[in-house]
């Protein structure tokens, strides 16, 4: 045989082999493989749907809040210890009657830590140096004492007086000349 015919014969055999292999497989095995592949995909999407449902359910149907919420502004040290409460049917979660300080008390305590220096007027705007920071009316000053930060607002600055505020409380400080 000629070398060209041999390669042509091998090429024809190579092309015919996959067709013979498909005829040799029964239809049940091909369907079974396809069903198995579809089942794997469905299982994977079922797991994804279950994960989505577990993450979305608390957002769609949140648990209701308790009727009496504890006050978040009480320090835990103000609460009586559970061991010291009498056993005779008294609720161990007794809360104090009021907050630890009023806004006026808090403002007075934190204002006493301010370091006030130099009053400057620039373009008609009064500027005052508080704790080495140049401030104008409307600025908010973060003050920290013993790990507690309070944000106090500068309400007004005049040549003789500085007015600071915390929530609804106001305090005026006379400036030295």
C-alpha atoms as a PDB file:
ATOM      1  CA  UNK A   1       0.000   0.000   0.000  1.00  0.00           C
ATOM      2  CA  UNK A   2       1.037   3.514  -0.584  1.00  0.00           C
ATOM      3  CA  UNK A   3       1.833   5.725   2.419  1.00  0.00           C
ATOM      4  CA  UNK A   4      -0.963   8.177   1.492  1.00  0.00           C
ATOM      5  CA  UNK A   5      -3.572   5.398   1.597  1.00  0.00           C
ATOM      6  CA  UNK A   6      -2.371   4.199   4.991  1.00  0.00           C
ATOM      7  CA  UNK A   7      -2.794   7.619   6.539  1.00  0.00           C
ATOM      8  CA  UNK A   8      -6.176   7.977   4.866  1.00  0.00           C
ATOM      9  CA  UNK A   9      -7.235   4.582   6.245  1.00  0.00           C
ATOM     10  CA  UNK A  10      -6.025   5.511   9.769  1.00  0.00           C
ATOM     11  CA  UNK A  11      -7.865   8.831   9.578  1.00  0.00           C
ATOM     12  CA  UNK A  12     -11.090   7.102   8.533  1.00  0.00           C
ATOM     13  CA  UNK A  13     -10.710   4.605  11.406  1.00  0.00           C
ATOM     14  CA  UNK A  14     -10.103   7.404  13.907  1.00  0.00           C
ATOM     15  CA  UNK A  15     -13.230   9.214  12.747  1.00  0.00           C
ATOM     16  CA  UNK A  16     -15.359   6.065  12.815  1.00  0.00           C
ATOM     17  CA  UNK A  17     -14.244   4.979  16.305  1.00  0.00           C
ATOM     18  CA  UNK A  18     -16.268   7.574  18.310  1.00  0.00           C
ATOM     19  CA  UNK A  19     -19.380   6.765  16.277  1.00  0.00           C
ATOM     20  CA  UNK A  20     -18.951   3.068  17.086  1.00  0.00           C
ATOM     21  CA  UNK A  21     -18.414   3.867  20.780  1.00  0.00           C
ATOM     22  CA  UNK A  22     -21.695   5.821  20.901  1.00  0.00           C
ATOM     23  CA  UNK A  23     -23.579   2.949  19.307  1.00  0.00           C
ATOM     24  CA  UNK A  24     -22.010   0.527  21.806  1.00  0.00           C
ATOM     25  CA  UNK A  25     -23.314   2.536  24.831  1.00  0.00           C
ATOM     26  CA  UNK A  26     -26.871   1.685  25.686  1.00  0.00           C
ATOM     27  CA  UNK A  27     -29.340   4.587  25.971  1.00  0.00           C
ATOM     28  CA  UNK A  28     -29.948   3.876  29.664  1.00  0.00           C
ATOM     29  CA  UNK A  29     -26.322   4.607  30.636  1.00  0.00           C
ATOM     30  CA  UNK A  30     -26.301   7.936  28.746  1.00  0.00           C
ATOM     31  CA  UNK A  31     -29.578   8.980  30.398  1.00  0.00           C
ATOM     32  CA  UNK A  32     -28.278   7.869  33.810  1.00  0.00           C
ATOM     33  CA  UNK A  33     -25.114   9.992  33.450  1.00  0.00           C
ATOM     34  CA  UNK A  34     -27.175  13.002  32.400  1.00  0.00           C
ATOM     35  CA  UNK A  35     -29.601  12.481  35.311  1.00  0.00           C
ATOM     36  CA  UNK A  36     -26.696  12.202  37.736  1.00  0.00           C
ATOM     37  CA  UNK A  37     -25.197  15.466  36.458  1.00  0.00           C
ATOM     38  CA  UNK A  38     -28.565  17.246  36.759  1.00  0.00           C
ATOM     39  CA  UNK A  39     -28.989  15.889  40.303  1.00  0.00           C
ATOM     40  CA  UNK A  40     -25.583  17.292  41.331  1.00  0.00           C
ATOM     41  CA  UNK A  41     -26.517  20.724  39.978  1.00  0.00           C
ATOM     42  CA  UNK A  42     -29.891  20.633  41.730  1.00  0.00           C
ATOM     43  CA  UNK A  43     -28.243  19.627  45.036  1.00  0.00           C
ATOM     44  CA  UNK A  44     -25.775  22.488  44.780  1.00  0.00           C
ATOM     45  CA  UNK A  45     -28.555  25.018  44.107  1.00  0.00           C
ATOM     46  CA  UNK A  46     -30.625  23.552  46.949  1.00  0.00           C
ATOM     47  CA  UNK A  47     -27.726  24.237  49.343  1.00  0.00           C
ATOM     48  CA  UNK A  48     -27.414  27.772  47.963  1.00  0.00           C
ATOM     49  CA  UNK A  49     -31.157  28.376  48.379  1.00  0.00           C
ATOM     50  CA  UNK A  50     -31.018  27.066  51.962  1.00  0.00           C
ATOM     51  CA  UNK A  51     -28.094  29.398  52.776  1.00  0.00           C
ATOM     52  CA  UNK A  52     -29.920  32.395  51.265  1.00  0.00           C
ATOM     53  CA  UNK A  53     -33.060  31.529  53.246  1.00  0.00           C
ATOM     54  CA  UNK A  54     -31.091  31.218  56.509  1.00  0.00           C
ATOM     55  CA  UNK A  55     -29.495  34.648  55.980  1.00  0.00           C
ATOM     56  CA  UNK A  56     -32.632  36.397  54.717  1.00  0.00           C
ATOM     57  CA  UNK A  57     -35.159  35.014  57.227  1.00  0.00           C
ATOM     58  CA  UNK A  58     -33.992  37.099  60.239  1.00  0.00           C
ATOM     59  CA  UNK A  59     -34.260  40.242  58.103  1.00  0.00           C
ATOM     60  CA  UNK A  60     -37.682  39.458  56.684  1.00  0.00           C
ATOM     61  CA  UNK A  61     -39.183  38.260  60.008  1.00  0.00           C
ATOM     62  CA  UNK A  62     -37.118  39.805  62.824  1.00  0.00           C
ATOM     63  CA  UNK A  63     -37.666  38.754  66.396  1.00  0.00           C
ATOM     64  CA  UNK A  64     -39.687  41.354  68.309  1.00  0.00           C
ATOM     65  CA  UNK A  65     -37.966  43.527  70.910  1.00  0.00           C
ATOM     66  CA  UNK A  66     -38.767  42.955  74.576  1.00  0.00           C
ATOM     67  CA  UNK A  67     -41.435  45.299  75.999  1.00  0.00           C
ATOM     68  CA  UNK A  68     -39.088  46.881  78.570  1.00  0.00           C
ATOM     69  CA  UNK A  69     -35.678  47.763  77.184  1.00  0.00           C
ATOM     70  CA  UNK A  70     -32.805  48.388  79.611  1.00  0.00           C
ATOM     71  CA  UNK A  71     -31.320  51.891  79.714  1.00  0.00           C
ATOM     72  CA  UNK A  72     -28.021  51.804  77.766  1.00  0.00           C
ATOM     73  CA  UNK A  73     -26.632  54.816  79.665  1.00  0.00           C
ATOM     74  CA  UNK A  74     -26.288  53.103  83.050  1.00  0.00           C
ATOM     75  CA  UNK A  75     -22.915  51.815  84.085  1.00  0.00           C
ATOM     76  CA  UNK A  76     -22.936  48.122  85.080  1.00  0.00           C
ATOM     77  CA  UNK A  77     -21.344  49.009  88.428  1.00  0.00           C
ATOM     78  CA  UNK A  78     -24.561  50.883  89.369  1.00  0.00           C
ATOM     79  CA  UNK A  79     -26.574  47.668  89.227  1.00  0.00           C
ATOM     80  CA  UNK A  80     -26.821  45.638  92.437  1.00  0.00           C
ATOM     81  CA  UNK A  81     -25.053  42.266  92.331  1.00  0.00           C
ATOM     82  CA  UNK A  82     -27.339  39.278  91.818  1.00  0.00           C
ATOM     83  CA  UNK A  83     -26.034  37.478  94.947  1.00  0.00           C
ATOM     84  CA  UNK A  84     -27.058  40.342  97.292  1.00  0.00           C
ATOM     85  CA  UNK A  85     -30.705  40.491  96.205  1.00  0.00           C
ATOM     86  CA  UNK A  86     -33.253  38.807  98.478  1.00  0.00           C
ATOM     87  CA  UNK A  87     -34.732  35.566  97.185  1.00  0.00           C
ATOM     88  CA  UNK A  88     -38.376  36.371  98.058  1.00  0.00           C
ATOM     89  CA  UNK A  89     -39.669  36.916  94.493  1.00  0.00           C
ATOM     90  CA  UNK A  90     -37.761  40.145  93.796  1.00  0.00           C
ATOM     91  CA  UNK A  91     -36.602  40.726  90.232  1.00  0.00           C
ATOM     92  CA  UNK A  92     -32.762  40.601  90.189  1.00  0.00           C
ATOM     93  CA  UNK A  93     -32.558  43.094  87.271  1.00  0.00           C
ATOM     94  CA  UNK A  94     -33.383  46.212  89.318  1.00  0.00           C
ATOM     95  CA  UNK A  95     -32.308  49.369  87.527  1.00  0.00           C
ATOM     96  CA  UNK A  96     -31.347  52.599  89.272  1.00  0.00           C
ATOM     97  CA  UNK A  97     -33.978  55.342  89.265  1.00  0.00           C
ATOM     98  CA  UNK A  98     -31.966  57.876  87.246  1.00  0.00           C
ATOM     99  CA  UNK A  99     -28.925  58.281  85.022  1.00  0.00           C
ATOM    100  CA  UNK A 100     -25.483  58.754  86.513  1.00  0.00           C
ATOM    101  CA  UNK A 101     -25.277  62.482  85.637  1.00  0.00           C
ATOM    102  CA  UNK A 102     -27.387  65.150  83.983  1.00  0.00           C
ATOM    103  CA  UNK A 103     -26.244  66.925  80.834  1.00  0.00           C
ATOM    104  CA  UNK A 104     -25.510  70.068  82.880  1.00  0.00           C
ATOM    105  CA  UNK A 105     -23.304  68.096  85.301  1.00  0.00           C
ATOM    106  CA  UNK A 106     -21.510  66.347  82.474  1.00  0.00           C
ATOM    107  CA  UNK A 107     -20.990  69.640  80.652  1.00  0.00           C
ATOM    108  CA  UNK A 108     -19.616  71.339  83.789  1.00  0.00           C
ATOM    109  CA  UNK A 109     -17.256  68.423  84.474  1.00  0.00           C
ATOM    110  CA  UNK A 110     -15.828  68.296  80.956  1.00  0.00           C
ATOM    111  CA  UNK A 111     -15.653  72.072  80.463  1.00  0.00           C
ATOM    112  CA  UNK A 112     -13.432  72.306  83.525  1.00  0.00           C
ATOM    113  CA  UNK A 113     -10.797  70.284  81.625  1.00  0.00           C
ATOM    114  CA  UNK A 114     -10.667  72.734  78.680  1.00  0.00           C
ATOM    115  CA  UNK A 115      -7.504  74.737  78.089  1.00  0.00           C
ATOM    116  CA  UNK A 116      -8.674  78.063  76.684  1.00  0.00           C
ATOM    117  CA  UNK A 117      -6.172  80.390  75.075  1.00  0.00           C
ATOM    118  CA  UNK A 118      -5.878  83.030  72.333  1.00  0.00           C
ATOM    119  CA  UNK A 119      -8.948  84.792  70.919  1.00  0.00           C
ATOM    120  CA  UNK A 120      -8.575  85.821  67.274  1.00  0.00           C
ATOM    121  CA  UNK A 121     -10.923  87.598  64.863  1.00  0.00           C
ATOM    122  CA  UNK A 122     -10.379  86.733  61.208  1.00  0.00           C
ATOM    123  CA  UNK A 123     -12.659  88.146  58.476  1.00  0.00           C
ATOM    124  CA  UNK A 124     -15.246  89.035  61.105  1.00  0.00           C
ATOM    125  CA  UNK A 125     -15.313  85.484  62.535  1.00  0.00           C
ATOM    126  CA  UNK A 126     -14.217  84.991  66.144  1.00  0.00           C
ATOM    127  CA  UNK A 127     -11.803  82.096  66.611  1.00  0.00           C
ATOM    128  CA  UNK A 128     -10.679  80.684  69.950  1.00  0.00           C
ATOM    129  CA  UNK A 129      -7.957  78.163  70.714  1.00  0.00           C
ATOM    130  CA  UNK A 130      -9.392  75.307  72.826  1.00  0.00           C
ATOM    131  CA  UNK A 131      -7.046  72.454  73.788  1.00  0.00           C
ATOM    132  CA  UNK A 132      -4.547  73.664  71.170  1.00  0.00           C
ATOM    133  CA  UNK A 133      -7.191  73.544  68.406  1.00  0.00           C
ATOM    134  CA  UNK A 134      -8.533  76.625  66.643  1.00  0.00           C
ATOM    135  CA  UNK A 135     -12.358  76.598  66.918  1.00  0.00           C
ATOM    136  CA  UNK A 136     -15.197  78.796  65.689  1.00  0.00           C
ATOM    137  CA  UNK A 137     -18.920  78.877  66.523  1.00  0.00           C
ATOM    138  CA  UNK A 138     -20.585  75.644  65.374  1.00  0.00           C
ATOM    139  CA  UNK A 139     -17.526  73.415  65.807  1.00  0.00           C
ATOM    140  CA  UNK A 140     -17.748  70.227  67.870  1.00  0.00           C
ATOM    141  CA  UNK A 141     -14.977  69.417  70.345  1.00  0.00           C
ATOM    142  CA  UNK A 142     -14.324  65.840  71.474  1.00  0.00           C
ATOM    143  CA  UNK A 143     -13.268  65.851  75.140  1.00  0.00           C
ATOM    144  CA  UNK A 144     -11.946  62.708  76.811  1.00  0.00           C
ATOM    145  CA  UNK A 145     -11.611  62.185  80.560  1.00  0.00           C
ATOM    146  CA  UNK A 146     -10.760  58.767  82.035  1.00  0.00           C
ATOM    147  CA  UNK A 147     -11.608  56.874  78.842  1.00  0.00           C
ATOM    148  CA  UNK A 148     -14.985  58.576  78.348  1.00  0.00           C
ATOM    149  CA  UNK A 149     -15.448  60.839  75.307  1.00  0.00           C
ATOM    150  CA  UNK A 150     -18.078  63.578  75.178  1.00  0.00           C
ATOM    151  CA  UNK A 151     -18.707  65.791  72.152  1.00  0.00           C
ATOM    152  CA  UNK A 152     -19.339  69.414  73.150  1.00  0.00           C
ATOM    153  CA  UNK A 153     -20.465  72.045  70.646  1.00  0.00           C
ATOM    154  CA  UNK A 154     -19.141  75.598  70.531  1.00  0.00           C
ATOM    155  CA  UNK A 155     -22.338  77.681  70.338  1.00  0.00           C
ATOM    156  CA  UNK A 156     -20.969  81.237  70.383  1.00  0.00           C
ATOM    157  CA  UNK A 157     -17.719  83.136  70.798  1.00  0.00           C
ATOM    158  CA  UNK A 158     -17.657  86.815  71.735  1.00  0.00           C
ATOM    159  CA  UNK A 159     -14.860  89.054  72.980  1.00  0.00           C
ATOM    160  CA  UNK A 160     -15.829  88.388  76.618  1.00  0.00           C
ATOM    161  CA  UNK A 161     -17.658  85.048  76.625  1.00  0.00           C
ATOM    162  CA  UNK A 162     -17.569  81.489  75.270  1.00  0.00           C
ATOM    163  CA  UNK A 163     -20.836  79.516  75.125  1.00  0.00           C
ATOM    164  CA  UNK A 164     -20.687  75.710  74.953  1.00  0.00           C
ATOM    165  CA  UNK A 165     -23.529  73.211  74.669  1.00  0.00           C
ATOM    166  CA  UNK A 166     -24.265  69.531  75.255  1.00  0.00           C
ATOM    167  CA  UNK A 167     -27.636  68.307  73.956  1.00  0.00           C
ATOM    168  CA  UNK A 168     -30.089  70.937  75.317  1.00  0.00           C
ATOM    169  CA  UNK A 169     -27.819  72.290  78.079  1.00  0.00           C
ATOM    170  CA  UNK A 170     -25.723  75.429  77.643  1.00  0.00           C
ATOM    171  CA  UNK A 171     -22.880  76.859  79.690  1.00  0.00           C
ATOM    172  CA  UNK A 172     -21.200  80.240  79.326  1.00  0.00           C
ATOM    173  CA  UNK A 173     -17.578  80.786  80.285  1.00  0.00           C
ATOM    174  CA  UNK A 174     -16.237  84.271  80.907  1.00  0.00           C
ATOM    175  CA  UNK A 175     -12.972  84.875  79.025  1.00  0.00           C
ATOM    176  CA  UNK A 176     -10.053  86.582  80.771  1.00  0.00           C
ATOM    177  CA  UNK A 177      -8.364  89.535  79.208  1.00  0.00           C
END
